[in-house]
Amino acid sequence: MLREGDRLPAVTVLDDEGNSVTTTDLLGGPLVLYFYPKDDTPGCTSEASQFRDSYRAFQDKKARIVGVSRDSVESHQRFKKKFAIPFTLLADTDSLLYKALGVTARTTFLIDAGGTIAKIWPKVNVNEHAEDVLRSL
C-alpha cells in the first residue's frame, strides 16, 4: 500500500456517469478518496451516508469526496439515487486503482491539493469515520 508522503498515481477509471476520470483530474483541493467493498450493503451504505450527511462541512473546507468500489457504473447510479449520495463514485471494475494504491480492504486516503497523500485510514471502521476524516482537514 502507498504511504503518507507518496504521490497519488494517475489512473483512469469510469465515474458514476460513465465518463473517464483520471485521478489527477480530481486534485486542486483536499481529496478524500475512500475505498469500500460493495454498493448497497450495510457497512458501505453507512459509510456513504455519513459522508453524505457531512457533505456540506467537507465543501466548506474545499474538500472533495470520492468513493471507489469495484461495482459497475449502473450499480453506482442506483446506489447514488437510492441514498441521495451527492459526490462522485468511481467504478474500478478492473481493480486498476485498487492495485495502484495497494488497497486490499476498506481504506480512506486524504490527499492534498498537489497530489501528496497526507493521511491514510487503513482497514476503516465505518462508525464515525466521516467525522474523523473531517477533523483531519
C-alpha atoms as a PDB file:
ATOM      1  CA  MET A   1       0.000   0.000   0.000  1.00  0.00           C
ATOM      2  CA  LEU A   2       1.143   3.529  -0.679  1.00  0.00           C
ATOM      3  CA  ARG A   3       2.177   5.523   2.362  1.00  0.00           C
ATOM      4  CA  GLU A   4       1.737   9.026   3.665  1.00  0.00           C
ATOM      5  CA  GLY A   5       4.014  11.318   1.668  1.00  0.00           C
ATOM      6  CA  ASP A   6       3.636   9.274  -1.537  1.00  0.00           C
ATOM      7  CA  ARG A   7       2.053  10.813  -4.627  1.00  0.00           C
ATOM      8  CA  LEU A   8      -1.347   9.833  -5.975  1.00  0.00           C
ATOM      9  CA  PRO A   9      -0.735   7.850  -9.171  1.00  0.00           C
ATOM     10  CA  ALA A  10      -2.545   8.826 -12.354  1.00  0.00           C
ATOM     11  CA  VAL A  11      -5.104   6.086 -13.007  1.00  0.00           C
ATOM     12  CA  THR A  12      -8.105   6.362 -15.318  1.00  0.00           C
ATOM     13  CA  VAL A  13     -11.435   4.697 -14.460  1.00  0.00           C
ATOM     14  CA  LEU A  14     -15.109   5.438 -15.089  1.00  0.00           C
ATOM     15  CA  ASP A  15     -17.195   7.657 -12.852  1.00  0.00           C
ATOM     16  CA  ASP A  16     -20.833   7.056 -11.931  1.00  0.00           C
ATOM     17  CA  GLU A  17     -21.957   8.743 -15.161  1.00  0.00           C
ATOM     18  CA  GLY A  18     -19.763   6.544 -17.377  1.00  0.00           C
ATOM     19  CA  ASN A  19     -17.161   9.252 -18.046  1.00  0.00           C
ATOM     20  CA  SER A  20     -13.435   8.509 -17.975  1.00  0.00           C
ATOM     21  CA  VAL A  21     -11.797  10.208 -15.000  1.00  0.00           C
ATOM     22  CA  THR A  22      -8.090  10.294 -14.197  1.00  0.00           C
ATOM     23  CA  THR A  23      -7.282  10.534 -10.503  1.00  0.00           C
ATOM     24  CA  THR A  24      -5.074  13.573 -11.053  1.00  0.00           C
ATOM     25  CA  ASP A  25      -8.126  15.385 -12.500  1.00  0.00           C
ATOM     26  CA  LEU A  26      -9.648  15.205  -9.010  1.00  0.00           C
ATOM     27  CA  LEU A  27      -6.921  17.364  -7.460  1.00  0.00           C
ATOM     28  CA  GLY A  28      -6.963  21.094  -6.763  1.00  0.00           C
ATOM     29  CA  GLY A  29      -8.102  20.941  -3.153  1.00  0.00           C
ATOM     30  CA  PRO A  30      -8.141  18.310  -0.438  1.00  0.00           C
ATOM     31  CA  LEU A  31      -9.351  14.966  -1.799  1.00  0.00           C
ATOM     32  CA  VAL A  32     -10.973  12.283   0.343  1.00  0.00           C
ATOM     33  CA  LEU A  33     -10.629   9.082  -1.668  1.00  0.00           C
ATOM     34  CA  TYR A  34     -12.398   6.256   0.119  1.00  0.00           C
ATOM     35  CA  PHE A  35     -12.467   2.631  -0.984  1.00  0.00           C
ATOM     36  CA  TYR A  36     -15.414   0.464   0.016  1.00  0.00           C
ATOM     37  CA  PRO A  37     -16.370  -3.131  -0.814  1.00  0.00           C
ATOM     38  CA  LYS A  38     -19.855  -3.025  -2.372  1.00  0.00           C
ATOM     39  CA  ASP A  39     -22.766  -0.720  -3.137  1.00  0.00           C
ATOM     40  CA  ASP A  40     -25.947  -1.028  -1.074  1.00  0.00           C
ATOM     41  CA  THR A  41     -24.563  -3.240   1.688  1.00  0.00           C
ATOM     42  CA  PRO A  42     -24.934  -2.252   5.371  1.00  0.00           C
ATOM     43  CA  GLY A  43     -21.387  -1.047   6.147  1.00  0.00           C
ATOM     44  CA  CYS A  44     -20.910   0.643   2.786  1.00  0.00           C
ATOM     45  CA  THR A  45     -24.276   2.360   2.978  1.00  0.00           C
ATOM     46  CA  SER A  46     -23.467   3.592   6.487  1.00  0.00           C
ATOM     47  CA  GLU A  47     -20.116   4.973   5.352  1.00  0.00           C
ATOM     48  CA  ALA A  48     -21.564   6.677   2.262  1.00  0.00           C
ATOM     49  CA  SER A  49     -24.421   8.109   4.328  1.00  0.00           C
ATOM     50  CA  GLN A  50     -22.001   9.574   6.865  1.00  0.00           C
ATOM     51  CA  PHE A  51     -20.063  11.298   4.096  1.00  0.00           C
ATOM     52  CA  ARG A  52     -23.374  12.443   2.567  1.00  0.00           C
ATOM     53  CA  ASP A  53     -24.586  13.859   5.879  1.00  0.00           C
ATOM     54  CA  SER A  54     -21.277  15.720   6.384  1.00  0.00           C
ATOM     55  CA  TYR A  55     -21.003  16.780   2.745  1.00  0.00           C
ATOM     56  CA  ARG A  56     -21.593  20.496   3.382  1.00  0.00           C
ATOM     57  CA  ALA A  57     -18.899  20.569   6.091  1.00  0.00           C
ATOM     58  CA  PHE A  58     -16.437  18.981   3.639  1.00  0.00           C
ATOM     59  CA  GLN A  59     -17.422  21.524   0.985  1.00  0.00           C
ATOM     60  CA  ASP A  60     -16.855  24.340   3.488  1.00  0.00           C
ATOM     61  CA  LYS A  61     -13.269  23.091   3.764  1.00  0.00           C
ATOM     62  CA  LYS A  62     -12.989  22.916  -0.062  1.00  0.00           C
ATOM     63  CA  ALA A  63     -12.594  19.127   0.167  1.00  0.00           C
ATOM     64  CA  ARG A  64     -13.839  16.738  -2.496  1.00  0.00           C
ATOM     65  CA  ILE A  65     -15.187  13.313  -1.507  1.00  0.00           C
ATOM     66  CA  VAL A  66     -14.865  10.449  -3.991  1.00  0.00           C
ATOM     67  CA  GLY A  67     -15.889   6.864  -3.288  1.00  0.00           C
ATOM     68  CA  VAL A  68     -14.314   3.892  -5.084  1.00  0.00           C
ATOM     69  CA  SER A  69     -15.519   0.317  -5.413  1.00  0.00           C
ATOM     70  CA  ARG A  70     -15.380  -2.452  -7.970  1.00  0.00           C
ATOM     71  CA  ASP A  71     -19.086  -2.034  -8.727  1.00  0.00           C
ATOM     72  CA  SER A  72     -20.322  -1.064 -12.192  1.00  0.00           C
ATOM     73  CA  VAL A  73     -21.394   2.386 -13.337  1.00  0.00           C
ATOM     74  CA  GLU A  74     -25.020   1.190 -13.300  1.00  0.00           C
ATOM     75  CA  SER A  75     -24.717  -0.115  -9.737  1.00  0.00           C
ATOM     76  CA  HIS A  76     -23.270   3.239  -8.630  1.00  0.00           C
ATOM     77  CA  GLN A  77     -26.136   5.088 -10.308  1.00  0.00           C
ATOM     78  CA  ARG A  78     -28.721   3.011  -8.412  1.00  0.00           C
ATOM     79  CA  PHE A  79     -26.810   3.388  -5.122  1.00  0.00           C
ATOM     80  CA  LYS A  80     -26.483   7.163  -5.508  1.00  0.00           C
ATOM     81  CA  LYS A  81     -30.159   7.569  -6.358  1.00  0.00           C
ATOM     82  CA  LYS A  82     -31.414   5.313  -3.560  1.00  0.00           C
ATOM     83  CA  PHE A  83     -29.385   7.085  -0.850  1.00  0.00           C
ATOM     84  CA  ALA A  84     -29.129  10.625  -2.336  1.00  0.00           C
ATOM     85  CA  ILE A  85     -25.336  10.492  -2.467  1.00  0.00           C
ATOM     86  CA  PRO A  86     -24.113  13.892  -3.712  1.00  0.00           C
ATOM     87  CA  PHE A  87     -20.500  13.027  -4.506  1.00  0.00           C
ATOM     88  CA  THR A  88     -18.737  11.065  -7.243  1.00  0.00           C
ATOM     89  CA  LEU A  89     -18.332   7.305  -7.135  1.00  0.00           C
ATOM     90  CA  LEU A  90     -15.676   5.642  -9.289  1.00  0.00           C
ATOM     91  CA  ALA A  91     -16.290   2.252 -10.913  1.00  0.00           C
ATOM     92  CA  ASP A  92     -12.938   0.469 -10.607  1.00  0.00           C
ATOM     93  CA  THR A  93     -14.256  -2.712 -12.220  1.00  0.00           C
ATOM     94  CA  ASP A  94     -10.776  -3.877 -13.279  1.00  0.00           C
ATOM     95  CA  SER A  95      -9.186  -3.007  -9.900  1.00  0.00           C
ATOM     96  CA  LEU A  96      -6.731  -0.604 -11.568  1.00  0.00           C
ATOM     97  CA  LEU A  97      -6.977   1.989  -8.812  1.00  0.00           C
ATOM     98  CA  TYR A  98      -7.062  -0.641  -6.067  1.00  0.00           C
ATOM     99  CA  LYS A  99      -3.812  -2.119  -7.396  1.00  0.00           C
ATOM    100  CA  ALA A 100      -2.115   1.251  -7.991  1.00  0.00           C
ATOM    101  CA  LEU A 101      -2.694   2.304  -4.385  1.00  0.00           C
ATOM    102  CA  GLY A 102      -2.240  -1.189  -2.927  1.00  0.00           C
ATOM    103  CA  VAL A 103      -5.704  -1.305  -1.371  1.00  0.00           C
ATOM    104  CA  THR A 104      -6.907  -4.690  -0.098  1.00  0.00           C
ATOM    105  CA  ALA A 105      -9.507  -3.604   2.481  1.00  0.00           C
ATOM    106  CA  ARG A 106     -11.819  -0.675   3.239  1.00  0.00           C
ATOM    107  CA  THR A 107      -9.352   2.242   3.200  1.00  0.00           C
ATOM    108  CA  THR A 108      -9.529   6.042   3.056  1.00  0.00           C
ATOM    109  CA  PHE A 109      -6.854   8.399   1.751  1.00  0.00           C
ATOM    110  CA  LEU A 110      -6.670  12.131   2.408  1.00  0.00           C
ATOM    111  CA  ILE A 111      -4.719  13.687  -0.449  1.00  0.00           C
ATOM    112  CA  ASP A 112      -3.592  17.306  -0.539  1.00  0.00           C
ATOM    113  CA  ALA A 113      -4.233  19.704  -3.421  1.00  0.00           C
ATOM    114  CA  GLY A 114      -0.894  18.829  -5.027  1.00  0.00           C
ATOM    115  CA  GLY A 115      -1.469  15.075  -5.009  1.00  0.00           C
ATOM    116  CA  THR A 116       0.527  14.037  -1.937  1.00  0.00           C
ATOM    117  CA  ILE A 117      -1.062  11.531   0.427  1.00  0.00           C
ATOM    118  CA  ALA A 118      -1.438  13.371   3.720  1.00  0.00           C
ATOM    119  CA  LYS A 119      -3.167  10.680   5.792  1.00  0.00           C
ATOM    120  CA  ILE A 120      -4.358   7.093   5.412  1.00  0.00           C
ATOM    121  CA  TRP A 121      -7.013   5.197   7.330  1.00  0.00           C
ATOM    122  CA  PRO A 122      -6.316   1.507   6.612  1.00  0.00           C
ATOM    123  CA  LYS A 123      -8.991  -1.087   7.389  1.00  0.00           C
ATOM    124  CA  VAL A 124     -11.599   1.535   8.222  1.00  0.00           C
ATOM    125  CA  ASN A 125     -14.209   1.006  10.916  1.00  0.00           C
ATOM    126  CA  VAL A 126     -17.197   2.873   9.464  1.00  0.00           C
ATOM    127  CA  ASN A 127     -18.509   4.136  12.804  1.00  0.00           C
ATOM    128  CA  GLU A 128     -17.931   7.914  12.916  1.00  0.00           C
ATOM    129  CA  HIS A 129     -15.381   7.619  10.110  1.00  0.00           C
ATOM    130  CA  ALA A 130     -16.556  10.697   8.202  1.00  0.00           C
ATOM    131  CA  GLU A 131     -16.250  12.832  11.341  1.00  0.00           C
ATOM    132  CA  ASP A 132     -12.703  11.553  11.890  1.00  0.00           C
ATOM    133  CA  VAL A 133     -11.741  12.412   8.319  1.00  0.00           C
ATOM    134  CA  LEU A 134     -13.348  15.862   8.598  1.00  0.00           C
ATOM    135  CA  ARG A 135     -11.356  16.591  11.773  1.00  0.00           C
ATOM    136  CA  SER A 136      -8.159  15.841   9.835  1.00  0.00           C
ATOM    137  CA  LEU A 137      -8.769  18.575   7.254  1.00  0.00           C
END
